[in-house]
Amino acid sequence: MAAIRLTLITRRGCHLCDLMAEVIEQVATAFPTSVEVRDVDGAPDLLAEYSEQVPVLLVNGRKAFKYRVTVRDLERRLRAERRRQAVRRWRARLSRARPT
């Protein structure tokens, strides 16, 4: 199963960012994940899109949470993402198996 990509968009000195990072640490080990932390102030594209929204957590490139996340909510979201990945894999297999 492919790893679920988590991207935490944060900024230095952000208390909410630290809290979200702690939740990610608690949950990420229970799922096949890769975690990347990006500083919003170090990337002009992120600054333009997320400056006033940090922290933001992207799941496979899609915005999933901003400001706060609970362990329960993140677990629920990662389970749903795992199901979506499984459905995509099955659809790909079925489309390859169809006779032409």
PDB file of N, CA and C in Angstrom:
ATOM      1  N   MET A   1       0.840  -1.175   0.000  1.00  0.00           N
ATOM      2  CA  MET A   1       0.000   0.000   0.000  1.00  0.00           C
ATOM      3  C   MET A   1       0.889   1.243   0.000  1.00  0.00           C
ATOM      4  N   ALA A   2       0.518   2.211  -0.797  1.00  0.00           N
ATOM      5  CA  ALA A   2       1.300   3.444  -0.897  1.00  0.00           C
ATOM      6  C   ALA A   2       1.160   4.266   0.377  1.00  0.00           C
ATOM      7  N   ALA A   3       2.225   4.929   0.718  1.00  0.00           N
ATOM      8  CA  ALA A   3       2.201   5.794   1.903  1.00  0.00           C
ATOM      9  C   ALA A   3       1.283   6.986   1.657  1.00  0.00           C
ATOM     10  N   ILE A   4       0.608   7.398   2.701  1.00  0.00           N
ATOM     11  CA  ILE A   4      -0.219   8.594   2.659  1.00  0.00           C
ATOM     12  C   ILE A   4       0.708   9.773   2.948  1.00  0.00           C
ATOM     13  N   ARG A   5       0.727  10.756   2.046  1.00  0.00           N
ATOM     14  CA  ARG A   5       1.601  11.916   2.208  1.00  0.00           C
ATOM     15  C   ARG A   5       0.929  12.968   3.087  1.00  0.00           C
ATOM     16  N   LEU A   6       1.551  13.276   4.206  1.00  0.00           N
ATOM     17  CA  LEU A   6       1.085  14.343   5.084  1.00  0.00           C
ATOM     18  C   LEU A   6       2.054  15.503   4.958  1.00  0.00           C
ATOM     19  N   THR A   7       1.522  16.689   4.687  1.00  0.00           N
ATOM     20  CA  THR A   7       2.343  17.887   4.606  1.00  0.00           C
ATOM     21  C   THR A   7       1.792  18.887   5.607  1.00  0.00           C
ATOM     22  N   LEU A   8       2.606  19.210   6.598  1.00  0.00           N
ATOM     23  CA  LEU A   8       2.223  20.201   7.595  1.00  0.00           C
ATOM     24  C   LEU A   8       2.827  21.535   7.196  1.00  0.00           C
ATOM     25  N   ILE A   9       1.964  22.500   6.951  1.00  0.00           N
ATOM     26  CA  ILE A   9       2.417  23.841   6.605  1.00  0.00           C
ATOM     27  C   ILE A   9       2.364  24.656   7.886  1.00  0.00           C
ATOM     28  N   THR A  10       3.496  25.176   8.272  1.00  0.00           N
ATOM     29  CA  THR A  10       3.669  25.773   9.585  1.00  0.00           C
ATOM     30  C   THR A  10       4.453  27.057   9.494  1.00  0.00           C
ATOM     31  N   ARG A  11       4.661  27.685  10.627  1.00  0.00           N
ATOM     32  CA  ARG A  11       5.577  28.822  10.696  1.00  0.00           C
ATOM     33  C   ARG A  11       6.215  28.839  12.075  1.00  0.00           C
ATOM     34  N   ARG A  12       7.388  29.402  12.133  1.00  0.00           N
ATOM     35  CA  ARG A  12       8.161  29.475  13.376  1.00  0.00           C
ATOM     36  C   ARG A  12       7.383  30.254  14.440  1.00  0.00           C
ATOM     37  N   GLY A  13       7.395  29.742  15.670  1.00  0.00           N
ATOM     38  CA  GLY A  13       6.755  30.428  16.788  1.00  0.00           C
ATOM     39  C   GLY A  13       5.251  30.277  16.842  1.00  0.00           C
ATOM     40  N   CYS A  14       4.702  29.346  16.116  1.00  0.00           N
ATOM     41  CA  CYS A  14       3.252  29.145  16.039  1.00  0.00           C
ATOM     42  C   CYS A  14       2.840  28.038  17.013  1.00  0.00           C
ATOM     43  N   HIS A  15       2.135  28.414  18.066  1.00  0.00           N
ATOM     44  CA  HIS A  15       1.698  27.446  19.080  1.00  0.00           C
ATOM     45  C   HIS A  15       0.745  26.405  18.489  1.00  0.00           C
ATOM     46  N   LEU A  16      -0.202  26.837  17.669  1.00  0.00           N
ATOM     47  CA  LEU A  16      -1.130  25.887  17.051  1.00  0.00           C
ATOM     48  C   LEU A  16      -0.398  24.911  16.138  1.00  0.00           C
ATOM     49  N   CYS A  17       0.662  25.378  15.494  1.00  0.00           N
ATOM     50  CA  CYS A  17       1.469  24.504  14.636  1.00  0.00           C
ATOM     51  C   CYS A  17       2.110  23.397  15.462  1.00  0.00           C
ATOM     52  N   ASP A  18       2.622  23.769  16.638  1.00  0.00           N
ATOM     53  CA  ASP A  18       3.226  22.770  17.523  1.00  0.00           C
ATOM     54  C   ASP A  18       2.205  21.743  17.976  1.00  0.00           C
ATOM     55  N   LEU A  19       0.994  22.191  18.296  1.00  0.00           N
ATOM     56  CA  LEU A  19      -0.057  21.268  18.722  1.00  0.00           C
ATOM     57  C   LEU A  19      -0.446  20.311  17.596  1.00  0.00           C
ATOM     58  N   MET A  20      -0.560  20.837  16.377  1.00  0.00           N
ATOM     59  CA  MET A  20      -0.915  19.972  15.253  1.00  0.00           C
ATOM     60  C   MET A  20       0.199  18.965  14.990  1.00  0.00           C
ATOM     61  N   ALA A  21       1.444  19.382  15.100  1.00  0.00           N
ATOM     62  CA  ALA A  21       2.576  18.469  14.911  1.00  0.00           C
ATOM     63  C   ALA A  21       2.539  17.345  15.940  1.00  0.00           C
ATOM     64  N   GLU A  22       2.163  17.641  17.173  1.00  0.00           N
ATOM     65  CA  GLU A  22       2.062  16.612  18.205  1.00  0.00           C
ATOM     66  C   GLU A  22       0.992  15.583  17.861  1.00  0.00           C
ATOM     67  N   VAL A  23      -0.151  16.035  17.366  1.00  0.00           N
ATOM     68  CA  VAL A  23      -1.218  15.114  16.961  1.00  0.00           C
ATOM     69  C   VAL A  23      -0.737  14.234  15.812  1.00  0.00           C
ATOM     70  N   ILE A  24      -0.058  14.829  14.855  1.00  0.00           N
ATOM     71  CA  ILE A  24       0.463  14.054  13.721  1.00  0.00           C
ATOM     72  C   ILE A  24       1.432  12.990  14.217  1.00  0.00           C
ATOM     73  N   GLU A  25       2.309  13.341  15.139  1.00  0.00           N
ATOM     74  CA  GLU A  25       3.259  12.371  15.690  1.00  0.00           C
ATOM     75  C   GLU A  25       2.541  11.202  16.351  1.00  0.00           C
ATOM     76  N   GLN A  26       1.455  11.477  17.050  1.00  0.00           N
ATOM     77  CA  GLN A  26       0.708  10.432  17.742  1.00  0.00           C
ATOM     78  C   GLN A  26       0.026   9.481  16.769  1.00  0.00           C
ATOM     79  N   VAL A  27      -0.449   9.998  15.657  1.00  0.00           N
ATOM     80  CA  VAL A  27      -1.286   9.218  14.745  1.00  0.00           C
ATOM     81  C   VAL A  27      -0.497   8.600  13.590  1.00  0.00           C
ATOM     82  N   ALA A  28       0.490   9.291  13.081  1.00  0.00           N
ATOM     83  CA  ALA A  28       1.151   8.890  11.835  1.00  0.00           C
ATOM     84  C   ALA A  28       1.802   7.515  11.906  1.00  0.00           C
ATOM     85  N   THR A  29       2.257   7.099  13.051  1.00  0.00           N
ATOM     86  CA  THR A  29       2.929   5.807  13.149  1.00  0.00           C
ATOM     87  C   THR A  29       1.972   4.626  12.976  1.00  0.00           C
ATOM     88  N   ALA A  30       0.675   4.855  13.137  1.00  0.00           N
ATOM     89  CA  ALA A  30      -0.310   3.781  12.995  1.00  0.00           C
ATOM     90  C   ALA A  30      -0.744   3.574  11.545  1.00  0.00           C
ATOM     91  N   PHE A  31      -0.276   4.416  10.646  1.00  0.00           N
ATOM     92  CA  PHE A  31      -0.659   4.363   9.238  1.00  0.00           C
ATOM     93  C   PHE A  31       0.603   4.422   8.379  1.00  0.00           C
ATOM     94  N   PRO A  32       0.522   3.919   7.156  1.00  0.00           N
ATOM     95  CA  PRO A  32       1.673   4.066   6.253  1.00  0.00           C
ATOM     96  C   PRO A  32       1.726   5.508   5.744  1.00  0.00           C
ATOM     97  N   THR A  33       2.530   6.334   6.397  1.00  0.00           N
ATOM     98  CA  THR A  33       2.569   7.749   6.041  1.00  0.00           C
ATOM     99  C   THR A  33       3.988   8.212   5.785  1.00  0.00           C
ATOM    100  N   SER A  34       4.078   9.294   5.046  1.00  0.00           N
ATOM    101  CA  SER A  34       5.312  10.069   4.964  1.00  0.00           C
ATOM    102  C   SER A  34       4.913  11.478   5.392  1.00  0.00           C
ATOM    103  N   VAL A  35       5.733  12.083   6.223  1.00  0.00           N
ATOM    104  CA  VAL A  35       5.399  13.391   6.781  1.00  0.00           C
ATOM    105  C   VAL A  35       6.456  14.401   6.354  1.00  0.00           C
ATOM    106  N   GLU A  36       5.991  15.520   5.836  1.00  0.00           N
ATOM    107  CA  GLU A  36       6.871  16.618   5.451  1.00  0.00           C
ATOM    108  C   GLU A  36       6.378  17.875   6.164  1.00  0.00           C
ATOM    109  N   VAL A  37       7.287  18.645   6.710  1.00  0.00           N
ATOM    110  CA  VAL A  37       6.951  19.910   7.349  1.00  0.00           C
ATOM    111  C   VAL A  37       7.501  21.026   6.477  1.00  0.00           C
ATOM    112  N   ARG A  38       6.644  21.972   6.121  1.00  0.00           N
ATOM    113  CA  ARG A  38       7.041  23.085   5.261  1.00  0.00           C
ATOM    114  C   ARG A  38       6.783  24.395   5.985  1.00  0.00           C
ATOM    115  N   ASP A  39       7.735  25.312   5.940  1.00  0.00           N
ATOM    116  CA  ASP A  39       7.603  26.633   6.544  1.00  0.00           C
ATOM    117  C   ASP A  39       6.933  27.561   5.535  1.00  0.00           C
ATOM    118  N   VAL A  40       5.763  28.058   5.890  1.00  0.00           N
ATOM    119  CA  VAL A  40       5.005  28.914   4.985  1.00  0.00           C
ATOM    120  C   VAL A  40       5.787  30.172   4.613  1.00  0.00           C
ATOM    121  N   ASP A  41       6.605  30.663   5.537  1.00  0.00           N
ATOM    122  CA  ASP A  41       7.352  31.895   5.278  1.00  0.00           C
ATOM    123  C   ASP A  41       8.586  31.663   4.413  1.00  0.00           C
ATOM    124  N   GLY A  42       8.934  30.407   4.167  1.00  0.00           N
ATOM    125  CA  GLY A  42      10.111  30.103   3.369  1.00  0.00           C
ATOM    126  C   GLY A  42       9.806  29.766   1.925  1.00  0.00           C
ATOM    127  N   ALA A  43       8.541  29.813   1.552  1.00  0.00           N
ATOM    128  CA  ALA A  43       8.152  29.456   0.188  1.00  0.00           C
ATOM    129  C   ALA A  43       7.081  30.432  -0.293  1.00  0.00           C
ATOM    130  N   PRO A  44       7.395  31.252  -1.287  1.00  0.00           N
ATOM    131  CA  PRO A  44       6.435  32.258  -1.763  1.00  0.00           C
ATOM    132  C   PRO A  44       5.084  31.671  -2.186  1.00  0.00           C
ATOM    133  N   ASP A  45       5.088  30.491  -2.809  1.00  0.00           N
ATOM    134  CA  ASP A  45       3.824  29.893  -3.236  1.00  0.00           C
ATOM    135  C   ASP A  45       2.965  29.513  -2.033  1.00  0.00           C
ATOM    136  N   LEU A  46       3.578  28.968  -0.992  1.00  0.00           N
ATOM    137  CA  LEU A  46       2.827  28.617   0.220  1.00  0.00           C
ATOM    138  C   LEU A  46       2.353  29.872   0.945  1.00  0.00           C
ATOM    139  N   LEU A  47       3.207  30.881   0.990  1.00  0.00           N
ATOM    140  CA  LEU A  47       2.850  32.133   1.653  1.00  0.00           C
ATOM    141  C   LEU A  47       1.633  32.768   0.987  1.00  0.00           C
ATOM    142  N   ALA A  48       1.605  32.759  -0.326  1.00  0.00           N
ATOM    143  CA  ALA A  48       0.482  33.347  -1.055  1.00  0.00           C
ATOM    144  C   ALA A  48      -0.815  32.587  -0.798  1.00  0.00           C
ATOM    145  N   GLU A  49      -0.727  31.277  -0.649  1.00  0.00           N
ATOM    146  CA  GLU A  49      -1.943  30.477  -0.509  1.00  0.00           C
ATOM    147  C   GLU A  49      -2.395  30.280   0.935  1.00  0.00           C
ATOM    148  N   TYR A  50      -1.438  30.146   1.869  1.00  0.00           N
ATOM    149  CA  TYR A  50      -1.800  29.739   3.226  1.00  0.00           C
ATOM    150  C   TYR A  50      -1.385  30.700   4.333  1.00  0.00           C
ATOM    151  N   SER A  51      -0.918  31.864   4.041  1.00  0.00           N
ATOM    152  CA  SER A  51      -0.327  32.755   5.032  1.00  0.00           C
ATOM    153  C   SER A  51      -1.175  32.929   6.288  1.00  0.00           C
ATOM    154  N   GLU A  52      -2.445  33.177   6.126  1.00  0.00           N
ATOM    155  CA  GLU A  52      -3.322  33.436   7.271  1.00  0.00           C
ATOM    156  C   GLU A  52      -4.005  32.182   7.793  1.00  0.00           C
ATOM    157  N   GLN A  53      -3.681  31.014   7.254  1.00  0.00           N
ATOM    158  CA  GLN A  53      -4.388  29.790   7.624  1.00  0.00           C
ATOM    159  C   GLN A  53      -3.559  28.819   8.452  1.00  0.00           C
ATOM    160  N   VAL A  54      -2.295  29.096   8.693  1.00  0.00           N
ATOM    161  CA  VAL A  54      -1.441  28.118   9.357  1.00  0.00           C
ATOM    162  C   VAL A  54      -1.888  27.858  10.787  1.00  0.00           C
ATOM    163  N   PRO A  55      -1.731  26.625  11.237  1.00  0.00           N
ATOM    164  CA  PRO A  55      -1.205  25.486  10.505  1.00  0.00           C
ATOM    165  C   PRO A  55      -2.247  24.891   9.563  1.00  0.00           C
ATOM    166  N   VAL A  56      -1.751  24.304   8.498  1.00  0.00           N
ATOM    167  CA  VAL A  56      -2.577  23.603   7.525  1.00  0.00           C
ATOM    168  C   VAL A  56      -1.981  22.218   7.346  1.00  0.00           C
ATOM    169  N   LEU A  57      -2.838  21.209   7.324  1.00  0.00           N
ATOM    170  CA  LEU A  57      -2.381  19.849   7.061  1.00  0.00           C
ATOM    171  C   LEU A  57      -2.969  19.386   5.741  1.00  0.00           C
ATOM    172  N   LEU A  58      -2.074  19.048   4.815  1.00  0.00           N
ATOM    173  CA  LEU A  58      -2.488  18.489   3.531  1.00  0.00           C
ATOM    174  C   LEU A  58      -2.354  16.973   3.605  1.00  0.00           C
ATOM    175  N   VAL A  59      -3.343  16.281   3.084  1.00  0.00           N
ATOM    176  CA  VAL A  59      -3.306  14.823   2.993  1.00  0.00           C
ATOM    177  C   VAL A  59      -3.293  14.489   1.509  1.00  0.00           C
ATOM    178  N   ASN A  60      -2.192  13.902   1.072  1.00  0.00           N
ATOM    179  CA  ASN A  60      -1.982  13.618  -0.349  1.00  0.00           C
ATOM    180  C   ASN A  60      -2.247  14.852  -1.213  1.00  0.00           C
ATOM    181  N   GLY A  61      -1.751  15.994  -0.732  1.00  0.00           N
ATOM    182  CA  GLY A  61      -1.817  17.217  -1.507  1.00  0.00           C
ATOM    183  C   GLY A  61      -3.107  18.007  -1.397  1.00  0.00           C
ATOM    184  N   ARG A  62      -4.093  17.473  -0.674  1.00  0.00           N
ATOM    185  CA  ARG A  62      -5.368  18.174  -0.518  1.00  0.00           C
ATOM    186  C   ARG A  62      -5.498  18.708   0.909  1.00  0.00           C
ATOM    187  N   LYS A  63      -6.006  19.929   1.032  1.00  0.00           N
ATOM    188  CA  LYS A  63      -6.163  20.518   2.369  1.00  0.00           C
ATOM    189  C   LYS A  63      -7.188  19.710   3.153  1.00  0.00           C
ATOM    190  N   ALA A  64      -6.761  19.204   4.310  1.00  0.00           N
ATOM    191  CA  ALA A  64      -7.631  18.397   5.147  1.00  0.00           C
ATOM    192  C   ALA A  64      -8.011  19.115   6.439  1.00  0.00           C
ATOM    193  N   PHE A  65      -7.073  19.858   7.014  1.00  0.00           N
ATOM    194  CA  PHE A  65      -7.329  20.554   8.275  1.00  0.00           C
ATOM    195  C   PHE A  65      -6.591  21.882   8.284  1.00  0.00           C
ATOM    196  N   LYS A  66      -7.180  22.859   8.958  1.00  0.00           N
ATOM    197  CA  LYS A  66      -6.457  24.102   9.232  1.00  0.00           C
ATOM    198  C   LYS A  66      -6.741  24.495  10.673  1.00  0.00           C
ATOM    199  N   TYR A  67      -5.776  25.124  11.260  1.00  0.00           N
ATOM    200  CA  TYR A  67      -5.784  25.600  12.648  1.00  0.00           C
ATOM    201  C   TYR A  67      -5.675  24.475  13.682  1.00  0.00           C
ATOM    202  N   ARG A  68      -6.601  23.517  13.677  1.00  0.00           N
ATOM    203  CA  ARG A  68      -6.599  22.477  14.713  1.00  0.00           C
ATOM    204  C   ARG A  68      -7.009  21.129  14.124  1.00  0.00           C
ATOM    205  N   VAL A  69      -6.517  20.074  14.766  1.00  0.00           N
ATOM    206  CA  VAL A  69      -6.954  18.721  14.436  1.00  0.00           C
ATOM    207  C   VAL A  69      -6.857  17.892  15.714  1.00  0.00           C
ATOM    208  N   THR A  70      -7.800  16.987  15.881  1.00  0.00           N
ATOM    209  CA  THR A  70      -7.756  16.075  17.021  1.00  0.00           C
ATOM    210  C   THR A  70      -7.237  14.726  16.550  1.00  0.00           C
ATOM    211  N   VAL A  71      -6.788  13.919  17.492  1.00  0.00           N
ATOM    212  CA  VAL A  71      -6.330  12.568  17.157  1.00  0.00           C
ATOM    213  C   VAL A  71      -7.448  11.813  16.462  1.00  0.00           C
ATOM    214  N   ARG A  72      -8.631  11.901  17.005  1.00  0.00           N
ATOM    215  CA  ARG A  72      -9.772  11.171  16.433  1.00  0.00           C
ATOM    216  C   ARG A  72     -10.063  11.603  14.999  1.00  0.00           C
ATOM    217  N   ASP A  73     -10.086  12.919  14.762  1.00  0.00           N
ATOM    218  CA  ASP A  73     -10.376  13.410  13.413  1.00  0.00           C
ATOM    219  C   ASP A  73      -9.299  13.017  12.409  1.00  0.00           C
ATOM    220  N   LEU A  74      -8.038  13.064  12.826  1.00  0.00           N
ATOM    221  CA  LEU A  74      -6.965  12.686  11.913  1.00  0.00           C
ATOM    222  C   LEU A  74      -6.994  11.189  11.631  1.00  0.00           C
ATOM    223  N   GLU A  75      -7.252  10.385  12.634  1.00  0.00           N
ATOM    224  CA  GLU A  75      -7.374   8.940  12.405  1.00  0.00           C
ATOM    225  C   GLU A  75      -8.502   8.646  11.426  1.00  0.00           C
ATOM    226  N   ARG A  76      -9.632   9.300  11.614  1.00  0.00           N
ATOM    227  CA  ARG A  76     -10.781   9.108  10.719  1.00  0.00           C
ATOM    228  C   ARG A  76     -10.409   9.492   9.286  1.00  0.00           C
ATOM    229  N   ARG A  77      -9.717  10.615   9.128  1.00  0.00           N
ATOM    230  CA  ARG A  77      -9.334  11.086   7.789  1.00  0.00           C
ATOM    231  C   ARG A  77      -8.341  10.147   7.126  1.00  0.00           C
ATOM    232  N   LEU A  78      -7.389   9.617   7.904  1.00  0.00           N
ATOM    233  CA  LEU A  78      -6.399   8.701   7.326  1.00  0.00           C
ATOM    234  C   LEU A  78      -7.024   7.356   6.978  1.00  0.00           C
ATOM    235  N   ARG A  79      -7.985   6.894   7.766  1.00  0.00           N
ATOM    236  CA  ARG A  79      -8.698   5.657   7.396  1.00  0.00           C
ATOM    237  C   ARG A  79      -9.454   5.861   6.087  1.00  0.00           C
ATOM    238  N   ALA A  80     -10.106   7.007   5.950  1.00  0.00           N
ATOM    239  CA  ALA A  80     -10.840   7.304   4.716  1.00  0.00           C
ATOM    240  C   ALA A  80      -9.885   7.379   3.526  1.00  0.00           C
ATOM    241  N   GLU A  81      -8.726   7.967   3.730  1.00  0.00           N
ATOM    242  CA  GLU A  81      -7.741   8.051   2.642  1.00  0.00           C
ATOM    243  C   GLU A  81      -7.245   6.667   2.256  1.00  0.00           C
ATOM    244  N   ARG A  82      -7.045   5.815   3.226  1.00  0.00           N
ATOM    245  CA  ARG A  82      -6.621   4.443   2.948  1.00  0.00           C
ATOM    246  C   ARG A  82      -7.678   3.711   2.118  1.00  0.00           C
ATOM    247  N   ARG A  83      -8.969   3.917   2.454  1.00  0.00           N
ATOM    248  CA  ARG A  83     -10.053   3.308   1.665  1.00  0.00           C
ATOM    249  C   ARG A  83     -10.057   3.852   0.243  1.00  0.00           C
ATOM    250  N   ARG A  84      -9.853   5.177   0.085  1.00  0.00           N
ATOM    251  CA  ARG A  84      -9.816   5.770  -1.258  1.00  0.00           C
ATOM    252  C   ARG A  84      -8.685   5.171  -2.088  1.00  0.00           C
ATOM    253  N   GLN A  85      -7.527   4.990  -1.473  1.00  0.00           N
ATOM    254  CA  GLN A  85      -6.405   4.388  -2.194  1.00  0.00           C
ATOM    255  C   GLN A  85      -6.739   2.968  -2.637  1.00  0.00           C
ATOM    256  N   ALA A  86      -7.396   2.208  -1.773  1.00  0.00           N
ATOM    257  CA  ALA A  86      -7.770   0.827  -2.121  1.00  0.00           C
ATOM    258  C   ALA A  86      -8.756   0.812  -3.287  1.00  0.00           C
ATOM    259  N   VAL A  87      -9.719   1.709  -3.277  1.00  0.00           N
ATOM    260  CA  VAL A  87     -10.698   1.785  -4.368  1.00  0.00           C
ATOM    261  C   VAL A  87     -10.002   2.152  -5.670  1.00  0.00           C
ATOM    262  N   ARG A  88      -9.076   3.111  -5.623  1.00  0.00           N
ATOM    263  CA  ARG A  88      -8.346   3.491  -6.844  1.00  0.00           C
ATOM    264  C   ARG A  88      -7.546   2.310  -7.396  1.00  0.00           C
ATOM    265  N   ARG A  89      -6.915   1.541  -6.499  1.00  0.00           N
ATOM    266  CA  ARG A  89      -6.154   0.372  -6.958  1.00  0.00           C
ATOM    267  C   ARG A  89      -7.070  -0.657  -7.610  1.00  0.00           C
ATOM    268  N   TRP A  90      -8.228  -0.926  -7.007  1.00  0.00           N
ATOM    269  CA  TRP A  90      -9.154  -1.892  -7.580  1.00  0.00           C
ATOM    270  C   TRP A  90      -9.706  -1.405  -8.913  1.00  0.00           C
ATOM    271  N   ARG A  91     -10.026  -0.143  -9.010  1.00  0.00           N
ATOM    272  CA  ARG A  91     -10.518   0.389 -10.289  1.00  0.00           C
ATOM    273  C   ARG A  91      -9.460   0.246 -11.376  1.00  0.00           C
ATOM    274  N   ALA A  92      -8.214   0.508 -11.024  1.00  0.00           N
ATOM    275  CA  ALA A  92      -7.133   0.364 -12.007  1.00  0.00           C
ATOM    276  C   ALA A  92      -7.009  -1.098 -12.442  1.00  0.00           C
ATOM    277  N   ARG A  93      -7.083  -2.009 -11.497  1.00  0.00           N
ATOM    278  CA  ARG A  93      -7.002  -3.444 -11.852  1.00  0.00           C
ATOM    279  C   ARG A  93      -8.146  -3.851 -12.746  1.00  0.00           C
ATOM    280  N   LEU A  94      -9.354  -3.397 -12.411  1.00  0.00           N
ATOM    281  CA  LEU A  94     -10.512  -3.757 -13.218  1.00  0.00           C
ATOM    282  C   LEU A  94     -10.416  -3.193 -14.621  1.00  0.00           C
ATOM    283  N   SER A  95      -9.938  -1.987 -14.754  1.00  0.00           N
ATOM    284  CA  SER A  95      -9.843  -1.390 -16.089  1.00  0.00           C
ATOM    285  C   SER A  95      -8.796  -2.102 -16.937  1.00  0.00           C
ATOM    286  N   ARG A  96      -7.739  -2.626 -16.301  1.00  0.00           N
ATOM    287  CA  ARG A  96      -6.727  -3.385 -17.045  1.00  0.00           C
ATOM    288  C   ARG A  96      -7.229  -4.771 -17.406  1.00  0.00           C
ATOM    289  N   ALA A  97      -8.153  -5.316 -16.613  1.00  0.00           N
ATOM    290  CA  ALA A  97      -8.634  -6.673 -16.824  1.00  0.00           C
ATOM    291  C   ALA A  97      -9.739  -6.763 -17.865  1.00  0.00           C
ATOM    292  N   ARG A  98     -10.345  -5.639 -18.230  1.00  0.00           N
ATOM    293  CA  ARG A  98     -11.432  -5.643 -19.208  1.00  0.00           C
ATOM    294  C   ARG A  98     -10.909  -6.043 -20.584  1.00  0.00           C
ATOM    295  N   PRO A  99     -11.617  -6.944 -21.229  1.00  0.00           N
ATOM    296  CA  PRO A  99     -11.216  -7.309 -22.598  1.00  0.00           C
ATOM    297  C   PRO A  99     -11.473  -6.153 -23.554  1.00  0.00           C
ATOM    298  N   THR A 100     -10.613  -6.039 -24.533  1.00  0.00           N
ATOM    299  CA  THR A 100     -10.753  -4.958 -25.516  1.00  0.00           C
ATOM    300  C   THR A 100     -11.305  -5.455 -26.816  1.00  0.00           C
TER     301      THR A 100
END
